[in-house]
Amino acid sequence: PFADPELKHLTGLDAAVYEHVMATRGAEPLAQLAAYLTVGLHDIA
């Protein structure tokens, strides 16, 4: 998003950037997989 002048000075805490990042193909599956792995690691630990 740094390449987009409208998003460059915002962060992932701002709705526009968050929505842009999460609308990117593969972002939601990565978040879900990472969450699943994280919970599993926590259980193993």
PDB file of all heavy atoms in Angstrom:
ATOM      1  N   PRO A   1       0.800  -1.229   0.000  1.00  0.00           N
ATOM      2  CA  PRO A   1       0.000   0.000   0.000  1.00  0.00           C
ATOM      3  C   PRO A   1       0.832   1.278   0.000  1.00  0.00           C
ATOM      4  O   PRO A   1       0.324   2.348  -0.314  1.00  0.00           O
ATOM      5  CB  PRO A   1      -0.833  -0.116   1.288  1.00  0.00           C
ATOM      6  CG  PRO A   1      -0.938  -1.578   1.517  1.00  0.00           C
ATOM      7  CD  PRO A   1       0.402  -2.129   1.086  1.00  0.00           C
ATOM      8  N   PHE A   2       2.104   1.181   0.323  1.00  0.00           N
ATOM      9  CA  PHE A   2       2.996   2.343   0.261  1.00  0.00           C
ATOM     10  C   PHE A   2       2.981   2.959  -1.135  1.00  0.00           C
ATOM     11  O   PHE A   2       3.152   4.165  -1.291  1.00  0.00           O
ATOM     12  CB  PHE A   2       4.424   1.917   0.639  1.00  0.00           C
ATOM     13  CG  PHE A   2       5.438   3.028   0.599  1.00  0.00           C
ATOM     14  CD1 PHE A   2       5.647   3.817   1.710  1.00  0.00           C
ATOM     15  CD2 PHE A   2       6.184   3.273  -0.545  1.00  0.00           C
ATOM     16  CE1 PHE A   2       6.587   4.837   1.681  1.00  0.00           C
ATOM     17  CE2 PHE A   2       7.128   4.285  -0.584  1.00  0.00           C
ATOM     18  CZ  PHE A   2       7.326   5.077   0.538  1.00  0.00           C
ATOM     19  N   ALA A   3       2.759   2.143  -2.156  1.00  0.00           N
ATOM     20  CA  ALA A   3       2.775   2.619  -3.541  1.00  0.00           C
ATOM     21  C   ALA A   3       1.528   3.420  -3.904  1.00  0.00           C
ATOM     22  O   ALA A   3       1.512   4.098  -4.929  1.00  0.00           O
ATOM     23  CB  ALA A   3       2.912   1.432  -4.497  1.00  0.00           C
ATOM     24  N   ASP A   4       0.495   3.372  -3.093  1.00  0.00           N
ATOM     25  CA  ASP A   4      -0.748   4.087  -3.355  1.00  0.00           C
ATOM     26  C   ASP A   4      -0.736   5.396  -2.570  1.00  0.00           C
ATOM     27  O   ASP A   4      -0.751   5.374  -1.332  1.00  0.00           O
ATOM     28  CB  ASP A   4      -1.936   3.221  -2.926  1.00  0.00           C
ATOM     29  CG  ASP A   4      -3.280   3.834  -3.250  1.00  0.00           C
ATOM     30  OD1 ASP A   4      -3.389   5.082  -3.282  1.00  0.00           O
ATOM     31  OD2 ASP A   4      -4.229   3.064  -3.462  1.00  0.00           O
ATOM     32  N   PRO A   5      -0.724   6.549  -3.261  1.00  0.00           N
ATOM     33  CA  PRO A   5      -0.662   7.831  -2.552  1.00  0.00           C
ATOM     34  C   PRO A   5      -1.786   8.036  -1.532  1.00  0.00           C
ATOM     35  O   PRO A   5      -1.593   8.714  -0.525  1.00  0.00           O
ATOM     36  CB  PRO A   5      -0.760   8.872  -3.670  1.00  0.00           C
ATOM     37  CG  PRO A   5      -0.357   8.155  -4.909  1.00  0.00           C
ATOM     38  CD  PRO A   5      -0.736   6.710  -4.711  1.00  0.00           C
ATOM     39  N   GLU A   6      -2.940   7.437  -1.762  1.00  0.00           N
ATOM     40  CA  GLU A   6      -4.056   7.597  -0.826  1.00  0.00           C
ATOM     41  C   GLU A   6      -3.876   6.755   0.438  1.00  0.00           C
ATOM     42  O   GLU A   6      -4.474   7.050   1.467  1.00  0.00           O
ATOM     43  CB  GLU A   6      -5.376   7.241  -1.508  1.00  0.00           C
ATOM     44  CG  GLU A   6      -5.773   8.226  -2.584  1.00  0.00           C
ATOM     45  CD  GLU A   6      -7.110   7.899  -3.220  1.00  0.00           C
ATOM     46  OE1 GLU A   6      -7.929   7.198  -2.591  1.00  0.00           O
ATOM     47  OE2 GLU A   6      -7.330   8.347  -4.347  1.00  0.00           O
ATOM     48  N   LEU A   7      -3.080   5.705   0.351  1.00  0.00           N
ATOM     49  CA  LEU A   7      -2.892   4.803   1.491  1.00  0.00           C
ATOM     50  C   LEU A   7      -1.533   4.960   2.169  1.00  0.00           C
ATOM     51  O   LEU A   7      -1.361   4.543   3.315  1.00  0.00           O
ATOM     52  CB  LEU A   7      -3.050   3.349   1.039  1.00  0.00           C
ATOM     53  CG  LEU A   7      -4.385   2.964   0.404  1.00  0.00           C
ATOM     54  CD1 LEU A   7      -4.355   1.510  -0.046  1.00  0.00           C
ATOM     55  CD2 LEU A   7      -5.540   3.225   1.354  1.00  0.00           C
ATOM     56  N   LYS A   8      -0.593   5.524   1.456  1.00  0.00           N
ATOM     57  CA  LYS A   8       0.804   5.590   1.900  1.00  0.00           C
ATOM     58  C   LYS A   8       0.973   6.086   3.331  1.00  0.00           C
ATOM     59  O   LYS A   8       1.723   5.511   4.114  1.00  0.00           O
ATOM     60  CB  LYS A   8       1.573   6.492   0.935  1.00  0.00           C
ATOM     61  CG  LYS A   8       3.030   6.669   1.239  1.00  0.00           C
ATOM     62  CD  LYS A   8       3.665   7.543   0.173  1.00  0.00           C
ATOM     63  CE  LYS A   8       5.142   7.653   0.357  1.00  0.00           C
ATOM     64  NZ  LYS A   8       5.759   8.356  -0.793  1.00  0.00           N
ATOM     65  N   HIS A   9       0.297   7.153   3.707  1.00  0.00           N
ATOM     66  CA  HIS A   9       0.492   7.765   5.023  1.00  0.00           C
ATOM     67  C   HIS A   9      -0.458   7.221   6.090  1.00  0.00           C
ATOM     68  O   HIS A   9      -0.417   7.662   7.234  1.00  0.00           O
ATOM     69  CB  HIS A   9       0.387   9.291   4.919  1.00  0.00           C
ATOM     70  CG  HIS A   9       1.489   9.875   4.091  1.00  0.00           C
ATOM     71  ND1 HIS A   9       2.775  10.014   4.568  1.00  0.00           N
ATOM     72  CD2 HIS A   9       1.517  10.295   2.804  1.00  0.00           C
ATOM     73  CE1 HIS A   9       3.534  10.521   3.617  1.00  0.00           C
ATOM     74  NE2 HIS A   9       2.804  10.703   2.541  1.00  0.00           N
ATOM     75  N   LEU A  10      -1.291   6.256   5.699  1.00  0.00           N
ATOM     76  CA  LEU A  10      -2.172   5.591   6.657  1.00  0.00           C
ATOM     77  C   LEU A  10      -1.485   4.321   7.140  1.00  0.00           C
ATOM     78  O   LEU A  10      -0.387   3.998   6.692  1.00  0.00           O
ATOM     79  CB  LEU A  10      -3.506   5.252   5.986  1.00  0.00           C
ATOM     80  CG  LEU A  10      -4.305   6.426   5.427  1.00  0.00           C
ATOM     81  CD1 LEU A  10      -5.539   5.920   4.694  1.00  0.00           C
ATOM     82  CD2 LEU A  10      -4.678   7.407   6.522  1.00  0.00           C
ATOM     83  N   THR A  11      -2.131   3.593   8.039  1.00  0.00           N
ATOM     84  CA  THR A  11      -1.582   2.328   8.528  1.00  0.00           C
ATOM     85  C   THR A  11      -2.670   1.258   8.487  1.00  0.00           C
ATOM     86  O   THR A  11      -3.840   1.559   8.242  1.00  0.00           O
ATOM     87  CB  THR A  11      -1.070   2.443   9.979  1.00  0.00           C
ATOM     88  OG1 THR A  11      -2.186   2.491  10.879  1.00  0.00           O
ATOM     89  CG2 THR A  11      -0.178   3.660  10.169  1.00  0.00           C
ATOM     90  N   GLY A  12      -2.277   0.040   8.795  1.00  0.00           N
ATOM     91  CA  GLY A  12      -3.226  -1.060   8.866  1.00  0.00           C
ATOM     92  C   GLY A  12      -4.232  -0.921   9.997  1.00  0.00           C
ATOM     93  O   GLY A  12      -5.167  -1.702  10.102  1.00  0.00           O
ATOM     94  N   LEU A  13      -4.072   0.091  10.832  1.00  0.00           N
ATOM     95  CA  LEU A  13      -5.065   0.395  11.861  1.00  0.00           C
ATOM     96  C   LEU A  13      -6.199   1.242  11.291  1.00  0.00           C
ATOM     97  O   LEU A  13      -7.254   1.353  11.910  1.00  0.00           O
ATOM     98  CB  LEU A  13      -4.406   1.110  13.051  1.00  0.00           C
ATOM     99  CG  LEU A  13      -3.314   0.309  13.766  1.00  0.00           C
ATOM    100  CD1 LEU A  13      -2.653   1.168  14.842  1.00  0.00           C
ATOM    101  CD2 LEU A  13      -3.881  -0.963  14.350  1.00  0.00           C
ATOM    102  N   ASP A  14      -5.957   1.852  10.129  1.00  0.00           N
ATOM    103  CA  ASP A  14      -6.989   2.644   9.446  1.00  0.00           C
ATOM    104  C   ASP A  14      -7.829   1.720   8.575  1.00  0.00           C
ATOM    105  O   ASP A  14      -7.300   0.812   7.924  1.00  0.00           O
ATOM    106  CB  ASP A  14      -6.340   3.725   8.571  1.00  0.00           C
ATOM    107  CG  ASP A  14      -5.590   4.752   9.400  1.00  0.00           C
ATOM    108  OD1 ASP A  14      -6.239   5.422  10.226  1.00  0.00           O
ATOM    109  OD2 ASP A  14      -4.356   4.863   9.225  1.00  0.00           O
ATOM    110  N   ALA A  15      -9.135   1.971   8.549  1.00  0.00           N
ATOM    111  CA  ALA A  15     -10.066   1.101   7.822  1.00  0.00           C
ATOM    112  C   ALA A  15      -9.683   0.945   6.352  1.00  0.00           C
ATOM    113  O   ALA A  15      -9.733  -0.170   5.823  1.00  0.00           O
ATOM    114  CB  ALA A  15     -11.490   1.634   7.943  1.00  0.00           C
ATOM    115  N   ALA A  16      -9.278   2.018   5.686  1.00  0.00           N
ATOM    116  CA  ALA A  16      -8.973   1.939   4.247  1.00  0.00           C
ATOM    117  C   ALA A  16      -7.827   0.975   3.968  1.00  0.00           C
ATOM    118  O   ALA A  16      -7.892   0.172   3.028  1.00  0.00           O
ATOM    119  CB  ALA A  16      -8.653   3.324   3.692  1.00  0.00           C
ATOM    120  N   VAL A  17      -6.776   1.034   4.760  1.00  0.00           N
ATOM    121  CA  VAL A  17      -5.630   0.143   4.549  1.00  0.00           C
ATOM    122  C   VAL A  17      -5.989  -1.281   4.968  1.00  0.00           C
ATOM    123  O   VAL A  17      -5.696  -2.246   4.252  1.00  0.00           O
ATOM    124  CB  VAL A  17      -4.381   0.635   5.321  1.00  0.00           C
ATOM    125  CG1 VAL A  17      -3.250  -0.391   5.254  1.00  0.00           C
ATOM    126  CG2 VAL A  17      -3.921   1.973   4.764  1.00  0.00           C
ATOM    127  N   TYR A  18      -6.635  -1.417   6.115  1.00  0.00           N
ATOM    128  CA  TYR A  18      -7.022  -2.752   6.585  1.00  0.00           C
ATOM    129  C   TYR A  18      -7.896  -3.453   5.553  1.00  0.00           C
ATOM    130  O   TYR A  18      -7.646  -4.609   5.197  1.00  0.00           O
ATOM    131  CB  TYR A  18      -7.749  -2.637   7.925  1.00  0.00           C
ATOM    132  CG  TYR A  18      -8.198  -3.967   8.484  1.00  0.00           C
ATOM    133  CD1 TYR A  18      -7.267  -4.889   8.950  1.00  0.00           C
ATOM    134  CD2 TYR A  18      -9.547  -4.291   8.556  1.00  0.00           C
ATOM    135  CE1 TYR A  18      -7.670  -6.113   9.468  1.00  0.00           C
ATOM    136  CE2 TYR A  18      -9.956  -5.509   9.075  1.00  0.00           C
ATOM    137  CZ  TYR A  18      -9.021  -6.411   9.530  1.00  0.00           C
ATOM    138  OH  TYR A  18      -9.418  -7.618  10.036  1.00  0.00           O
ATOM    139  N   GLU A  19      -8.889  -2.774   5.050  1.00  0.00           N
ATOM    140  CA  GLU A  19      -9.778  -3.365   4.043  1.00  0.00           C
ATOM    141  C   GLU A  19      -9.020  -3.696   2.761  1.00  0.00           C
ATOM    142  O   GLU A  19      -9.253  -4.733   2.148  1.00  0.00           O
ATOM    143  CB  GLU A  19     -10.955  -2.429   3.766  1.00  0.00           C
ATOM    144  CG  GLU A  19     -11.909  -2.340   4.949  1.00  0.00           C
ATOM    145  CD  GLU A  19     -12.888  -1.177   4.868  1.00  0.00           C
ATOM    146  OE1 GLU A  19     -12.964  -0.512   3.813  1.00  0.00           O
ATOM    147  OE2 GLU A  19     -13.572  -0.936   5.884  1.00  0.00           O
ATOM    148  N   HIS A  20      -8.096  -2.827   2.366  1.00  0.00           N
ATOM    149  CA  HIS A  20      -7.291  -3.070   1.166  1.00  0.00           C
ATOM    150  C   HIS A  20      -6.421  -4.319   1.342  1.00  0.00           C
ATOM    151  O   HIS A  20      -6.372  -5.183   0.461  1.00  0.00           O
ATOM    152  CB  HIS A  20      -6.409  -1.856   0.873  1.00  0.00           C
ATOM    153  CG  HIS A  20      -5.460  -2.064  -0.252  1.00  0.00           C
ATOM    154  ND1 HIS A  20      -5.816  -1.916  -1.568  1.00  0.00           N
ATOM    155  CD2 HIS A  20      -4.165  -2.443  -0.254  1.00  0.00           C
ATOM    156  CE1 HIS A  20      -4.778  -2.194  -2.334  1.00  0.00           C
ATOM    157  NE2 HIS A  20      -3.767  -2.513  -1.553  1.00  0.00           N
ATOM    158  N   VAL A  21      -5.755  -4.401   2.486  1.00  0.00           N
ATOM    159  CA  VAL A  21      -4.891  -5.559   2.744  1.00  0.00           C
ATOM    160  C   VAL A  21      -5.719  -6.834   2.770  1.00  0.00           C
ATOM    161  O   VAL A  21      -5.377  -7.835   2.143  1.00  0.00           O
ATOM    162  CB  VAL A  21      -4.097  -5.378   4.068  1.00  0.00           C
ATOM    163  CG1 VAL A  21      -3.427  -6.676   4.492  1.00  0.00           C
ATOM    164  CG2 VAL A  21      -3.066  -4.269   3.918  1.00  0.00           C
ATOM    165  N   MET A  22      -6.832  -6.807   3.486  1.00  0.00           N
ATOM    166  CA  MET A  22      -7.634  -8.018   3.638  1.00  0.00           C
ATOM    167  C   MET A  22      -8.389  -8.388   2.359  1.00  0.00           C
ATOM    168  O   MET A  22      -8.798  -9.537   2.201  1.00  0.00           O
ATOM    169  CB  MET A  22      -8.590  -7.881   4.824  1.00  0.00           C
ATOM    170  CG  MET A  22      -7.860  -7.818   6.162  1.00  0.00           C
ATOM    171  SD  MET A  22      -6.528  -9.053   6.374  1.00  0.00           S
ATOM    172  CE  MET A  22      -7.408 -10.578   6.133  1.00  0.00           C
ATOM    173  N   ALA A  23      -8.558  -7.450   1.440  1.00  0.00           N
ATOM    174  CA  ALA A  23      -9.188  -7.761   0.154  1.00  0.00           C
ATOM    175  C   ALA A  23      -8.197  -8.366  -0.832  1.00  0.00           C
ATOM    176  O   ALA A  23      -8.584  -8.870  -1.885  1.00  0.00           O
ATOM    177  CB  ALA A  23      -9.807  -6.493  -0.447  1.00  0.00           C
ATOM    178  N   THR A  24      -6.915  -8.352  -0.473  1.00  0.00           N
ATOM    179  CA  THR A  24      -5.881  -8.922  -1.327  1.00  0.00           C
ATOM    180  C   THR A  24      -6.014 -10.441  -1.342  1.00  0.00           C
ATOM    181  O   THR A  24      -6.150 -11.071  -0.284  1.00  0.00           O
ATOM    182  CB  THR A  24      -4.484  -8.527  -0.813  1.00  0.00           C
ATOM    183  OG1 THR A  24      -4.401  -7.104  -0.761  1.00  0.00           O
ATOM    184  CG2 THR A  24      -3.392  -9.075  -1.714  1.00  0.00           C
ATOM    185  N   ARG A  25      -5.992 -10.991  -2.534  1.00  0.00           N
ATOM    186  CA  ARG A  25      -6.104 -12.449  -2.668  1.00  0.00           C
ATOM    187  C   ARG A  25      -5.053 -13.156  -1.818  1.00  0.00           C
ATOM    188  O   ARG A  25      -3.868 -12.842  -1.904  1.00  0.00           O
ATOM    189  CB  ARG A  25      -5.933 -12.811  -4.144  1.00  0.00           C
ATOM    190  CG  ARG A  25      -6.207 -14.251  -4.432  1.00  0.00           C
ATOM    191  CD  ARG A  25      -6.201 -14.485  -5.916  1.00  0.00           C
ATOM    192  NE  ARG A  25      -5.605 -15.788  -6.135  1.00  0.00           N
ATOM    193  CZ  ARG A  25      -5.006 -16.138  -7.237  1.00  0.00           C
ATOM    194  NH1 ARG A  25      -4.899 -15.315  -8.243  1.00  0.00           N
ATOM    195  NH2 ARG A  25      -4.495 -17.339  -7.348  1.00  0.00           N
ATOM    196  N   GLY A  26      -5.507 -14.063  -0.977  1.00  0.00           N
ATOM    197  CA  GLY A  26      -4.618 -14.847  -0.127  1.00  0.00           C
ATOM    198  C   GLY A  26      -4.458 -14.313   1.279  1.00  0.00           C
ATOM    199  O   GLY A  26      -3.978 -15.039   2.152  1.00  0.00           O
ATOM    200  N   ALA A  27      -4.853 -13.071   1.543  1.00  0.00           N
ATOM    201  CA  ALA A  27      -4.652 -12.494   2.871  1.00  0.00           C
ATOM    202  C   ALA A  27      -5.514 -13.183   3.928  1.00  0.00           C
ATOM    203  O   ALA A  27      -5.016 -13.558   4.991  1.00  0.00           O
ATOM    204  CB  ALA A  27      -4.917 -10.994   2.856  1.00  0.00           C
ATOM    205  N   GLU A  28      -6.792 -13.342   3.657  1.00  0.00           N
ATOM    206  CA  GLU A  28      -7.686 -13.977   4.636  1.00  0.00           C
ATOM    207  C   GLU A  28      -7.281 -15.428   4.899  1.00  0.00           C
ATOM    208  O   GLU A  28      -7.190 -15.824   6.071  1.00  0.00           O
ATOM    209  CB  GLU A  28      -9.144 -13.882   4.197  1.00  0.00           C
ATOM    210  CG  GLU A  28     -10.125 -14.512   5.168  1.00  0.00           C
ATOM    211  CD  GLU A  28     -10.210 -13.837   6.534  1.00  0.00           C
ATOM    212  OE1 GLU A  28      -9.899 -12.639   6.641  1.00  0.00           O
ATOM    213  OE2 GLU A  28     -10.584 -14.518   7.505  1.00  0.00           O
ATOM    214  N   PRO A  29      -7.008 -16.230   3.859  1.00  0.00           N
ATOM    215  CA  PRO A  29      -6.559 -17.599   4.152  1.00  0.00           C
ATOM    216  C   PRO A  29      -5.271 -17.640   4.975  1.00  0.00           C
ATOM    217  O   PRO A  29      -5.129 -18.499   5.849  1.00  0.00           O
ATOM    218  CB  PRO A  29      -6.360 -18.226   2.768  1.00  0.00           C
ATOM    219  CG  PRO A  29      -7.255 -17.449   1.870  1.00  0.00           C
ATOM    220  CD  PRO A  29      -7.240 -16.047   2.420  1.00  0.00           C
ATOM    221  N   LEU A  30      -4.340 -16.725   4.723  1.00  0.00           N
ATOM    222  CA  LEU A  30      -3.109 -16.692   5.512  1.00  0.00           C
ATOM    223  C   LEU A  30      -3.420 -16.370   6.966  1.00  0.00           C
ATOM    224  O   LEU A  30      -2.894 -17.015   7.873  1.00  0.00           O
ATOM    225  CB  LEU A  30      -2.113 -15.674   4.939  1.00  0.00           C
ATOM    226  CG  LEU A  30      -0.825 -15.491   5.748  1.00  0.00           C
ATOM    227  CD1 LEU A  30      -0.069 -16.804   5.907  1.00  0.00           C
ATOM    228  CD2 LEU A  30       0.053 -14.429   5.115  1.00  0.00           C
ATOM    229  N   ALA A  31      -4.277 -15.388   7.204  1.00  0.00           N
ATOM    230  CA  ALA A  31      -4.640 -15.035   8.581  1.00  0.00           C
ATOM    231  C   ALA A  31      -5.297 -16.214   9.289  1.00  0.00           C
ATOM    232  O   ALA A  31      -4.998 -16.501  10.454  1.00  0.00           O
ATOM    233  CB  ALA A  31      -5.557 -13.812   8.593  1.00  0.00           C
ATOM    234  N   GLN A  32      -6.181 -16.906   8.589  1.00  0.00           N
ATOM    235  CA  GLN A  32      -6.860 -18.052   9.195  1.00  0.00           C
ATOM    236  C   GLN A  32      -5.877 -19.177   9.503  1.00  0.00           C
ATOM    237  O   GLN A  32      -5.917 -19.769  10.585  1.00  0.00           O
ATOM    238  CB  GLN A  32      -7.971 -18.548   8.276  1.00  0.00           C
ATOM    239  CG  GLN A  32      -9.136 -17.599   8.189  1.00  0.00           C
ATOM    240  CD  GLN A  32     -10.213 -18.088   7.237  1.00  0.00           C
ATOM    241  OE1 GLN A  32     -10.237 -19.247   6.834  1.00  0.00           O
ATOM    242  NE2 GLN A  32     -11.114 -17.191   6.865  1.00  0.00           N
ATOM    243  N   LEU A  33      -5.000 -19.470   8.553  1.00  0.00           N
ATOM    244  CA  LEU A  33      -4.010 -20.522   8.755  1.00  0.00           C
ATOM    245  C   LEU A  33      -3.058 -20.162   9.893  1.00  0.00           C
ATOM    246  O   LEU A  33      -2.746 -21.002  10.745  1.00  0.00           O
ATOM    247  CB  LEU A  33      -3.231 -20.767   7.466  1.00  0.00           C
ATOM    248  CG  LEU A  33      -2.173 -21.863   7.519  1.00  0.00           C
ATOM    249  CD1 LEU A  33      -2.829 -23.218   7.756  1.00  0.00           C
ATOM    250  CD2 LEU A  33      -1.385 -21.885   6.221  1.00  0.00           C
ATOM    251  N   ALA A  34      -2.618 -18.916   9.920  1.00  0.00           N
ATOM    252  CA  ALA A  34      -1.718 -18.476  10.985  1.00  0.00           C
ATOM    253  C   ALA A  34      -2.395 -18.554  12.349  1.00  0.00           C
ATOM    254  O   ALA A  34      -1.778 -18.965  13.335  1.00  0.00           O
ATOM    255  CB  ALA A  34      -1.231 -17.059  10.706  1.00  0.00           C
ATOM    256  N   ALA A  35      -3.668 -18.183  12.406  1.00  0.00           N
ATOM    257  CA  ALA A  35      -4.406 -18.265  13.670  1.00  0.00           C
ATOM    258  C   ALA A  35      -4.511 -19.716  14.123  1.00  0.00           C
ATOM    259  O   ALA A  35      -4.298 -20.029  15.300  1.00  0.00           O
ATOM    260  CB  ALA A  35      -5.792 -17.637  13.512  1.00  0.00           C
ATOM    261  N   TYR A  36      -4.831 -20.598  13.202  1.00  0.00           N
ATOM    262  CA  TYR A  36      -4.935 -22.029  13.519  1.00  0.00           C
ATOM    263  C   TYR A  36      -3.601 -22.562  14.031  1.00  0.00           C
ATOM    264  O   TYR A  36      -3.534 -23.258  15.049  1.00  0.00           O
ATOM    265  CB  TYR A  36      -5.388 -22.786  12.270  1.00  0.00           C
ATOM    266  CG  TYR A  36      -5.567 -24.267  12.470  1.00  0.00           C
ATOM    267  CD1 TYR A  36      -6.707 -24.772  13.083  1.00  0.00           C
ATOM    268  CD2 TYR A  36      -4.592 -25.162  12.027  1.00  0.00           C
ATOM    269  CE1 TYR A  36      -6.876 -26.142  13.271  1.00  0.00           C
ATOM    270  CE2 TYR A  36      -4.753 -26.528  12.209  1.00  0.00           C
ATOM    271  CZ  TYR A  36      -5.895 -27.014  12.829  1.00  0.00           C
ATOM    272  OH  TYR A  36      -6.056 -28.361  13.006  1.00  0.00           O
ATOM    273  N   LEU A  37      -2.516 -22.225  13.340  1.00  0.00           N
ATOM    274  CA  LEU A  37      -1.182 -22.656  13.757  1.00  0.00           C
ATOM    275  C   LEU A  37      -0.825 -22.082  15.128  1.00  0.00           C
ATOM    276  O   LEU A  37      -0.300 -22.784  15.991  1.00  0.00           O
ATOM    277  CB  LEU A  37      -0.133 -22.226  12.726  1.00  0.00           C
ATOM    278  CG  LEU A  37       1.317 -22.471  13.119  1.00  0.00           C
ATOM    279  CD1 LEU A  37       1.605 -23.953  13.235  1.00  0.00           C
ATOM    280  CD2 LEU A  37       2.252 -21.826  12.105  1.00  0.00           C
ATOM    281  N   THR A  38      -1.137 -20.826  15.332  1.00  0.00           N
ATOM    282  CA  THR A  38      -0.821 -20.168  16.596  1.00  0.00           C
ATOM    283  C   THR A  38      -1.527 -20.840  17.766  1.00  0.00           C
ATOM    284  O   THR A  38      -0.915 -21.117  18.807  1.00  0.00           O
ATOM    285  CB  THR A  38      -1.214 -18.679  16.525  1.00  0.00           C
ATOM    286  OG1 THR A  38      -0.496 -18.083  15.443  1.00  0.00           O
ATOM    287  CG2 THR A  38      -0.899 -17.965  17.813  1.00  0.00           C
ATOM    288  N   VAL A  39      -2.809 -21.117  17.601  1.00  0.00           N
ATOM    289  CA  VAL A  39      -3.566 -21.789  18.655  1.00  0.00           C
ATOM    290  C   VAL A  39      -2.988 -23.191  18.897  1.00  0.00           C
ATOM    291  O   VAL A  39      -2.829 -23.622  20.036  1.00  0.00           O
ATOM    292  CB  VAL A  39      -5.066 -21.845  18.299  1.00  0.00           C
ATOM    293  CG1 VAL A  39      -5.824 -22.785  19.221  1.00  0.00           C
ATOM    294  CG2 VAL A  39      -5.659 -20.436  18.347  1.00  0.00           C
ATOM    295  N   GLY A  40      -2.633 -23.884  17.819  1.00  0.00           N
ATOM    296  CA  GLY A  40      -2.025 -25.206  17.953  1.00  0.00           C
ATOM    297  C   GLY A  40      -0.698 -25.157  18.680  1.00  0.00           C
ATOM    298  O   GLY A  40      -0.422 -25.987  19.556  1.00  0.00           O
ATOM    299  N   LEU A  41       0.139 -24.187  18.335  1.00  0.00           N
ATOM    300  CA  LEU A  41       1.428 -24.036  19.021  1.00  0.00           C
ATOM    301  C   LEU A  41       1.218 -23.734  20.502  1.00  0.00           C
ATOM    302  O   LEU A  41       1.930 -24.248  21.359  1.00  0.00           O
ATOM    303  CB  LEU A  41       2.257 -22.919  18.377  1.00  0.00           C
ATOM    304  CG  LEU A  41       2.848 -23.217  17.012  1.00  0.00           C
ATOM    305  CD1 LEU A  41       3.460 -21.954  16.416  1.00  0.00           C
ATOM    306  CD2 LEU A  41       3.875 -24.325  17.092  1.00  0.00           C
ATOM    307  N   HIS A  42       0.240 -22.915  20.794  1.00  0.00           N
ATOM    308  CA  HIS A  42      -0.059 -22.576  22.183  1.00  0.00           C
ATOM    309  C   HIS A  42      -0.499 -23.817  22.948  1.00  0.00           C
ATOM    310  O   HIS A  42      -0.095 -24.029  24.096  1.00  0.00           O
ATOM    311  CB  HIS A  42      -1.127 -21.479  22.238  1.00  0.00           C
ATOM    312  CG  HIS A  42      -1.355 -20.943  23.599  1.00  0.00           C
ATOM    313  ND1 HIS A  42      -2.462 -21.248  24.345  1.00  0.00           N
ATOM    314  CD2 HIS A  42      -0.595 -20.114  24.370  1.00  0.00           C
ATOM    315  CE1 HIS A  42      -2.392 -20.633  25.504  1.00  0.00           C
ATOM    316  NE2 HIS A  42      -1.273 -19.931  25.553  1.00  0.00           N
ATOM    317  N   ASP A  43      -1.318 -24.639  22.324  1.00  0.00           N
ATOM    318  CA  ASP A  43      -1.765 -25.881  22.968  1.00  0.00           C
ATOM    319  C   ASP A  43      -0.588 -26.830  23.201  1.00  0.00           C
ATOM    320  O   ASP A  43      -0.475 -27.432  24.268  1.00  0.00           O
ATOM    321  CB  ASP A  43      -2.844 -26.563  22.127  1.00  0.00           C
ATOM    322  CG  ASP A  43      -4.164 -25.816  22.157  1.00  0.00           C
ATOM    323  OD1 ASP A  43      -4.329 -24.893  22.986  1.00  0.00           O
ATOM    324  OD2 ASP A  43      -5.045 -26.138  21.333  1.00  0.00           O
ATOM    325  N   ILE A  44       0.283 -26.955  22.213  1.00  0.00           N
ATOM    326  CA  ILE A  44       1.458 -27.826  22.337  1.00  0.00           C
ATOM    327  C   ILE A  44       2.385 -27.312  23.435  1.00  0.00           C
ATOM    328  O   ILE A  44       2.964 -28.094  24.186  1.00  0.00           O
ATOM    329  CB  ILE A  44       2.223 -27.915  20.991  1.00  0.00           C
ATOM    330  CG1 ILE A  44       1.394 -28.684  19.971  1.00  0.00           C
ATOM    331  CG2 ILE A  44       3.590 -28.555  21.187  1.00  0.00           C
ATOM    332  CD1 ILE A  44       1.931 -28.586  18.553  1.00  0.00           C
ATOM    333  N   ALA A  45       2.497 -25.996  23.551  1.00  0.00           N
ATOM    334  CA  ALA A  45       3.385 -25.381  24.547  1.00  0.00           C
ATOM    335  C   ALA A  45       2.804 -25.458  25.960  1.00  0.00           C
ATOM    336  O   ALA A  45       3.423 -24.971  26.906  1.00  0.00           O
ATOM    337  CB  ALA A  45       3.654 -23.926  24.171  1.00  0.00           C
TER     338      ALA A  45
END
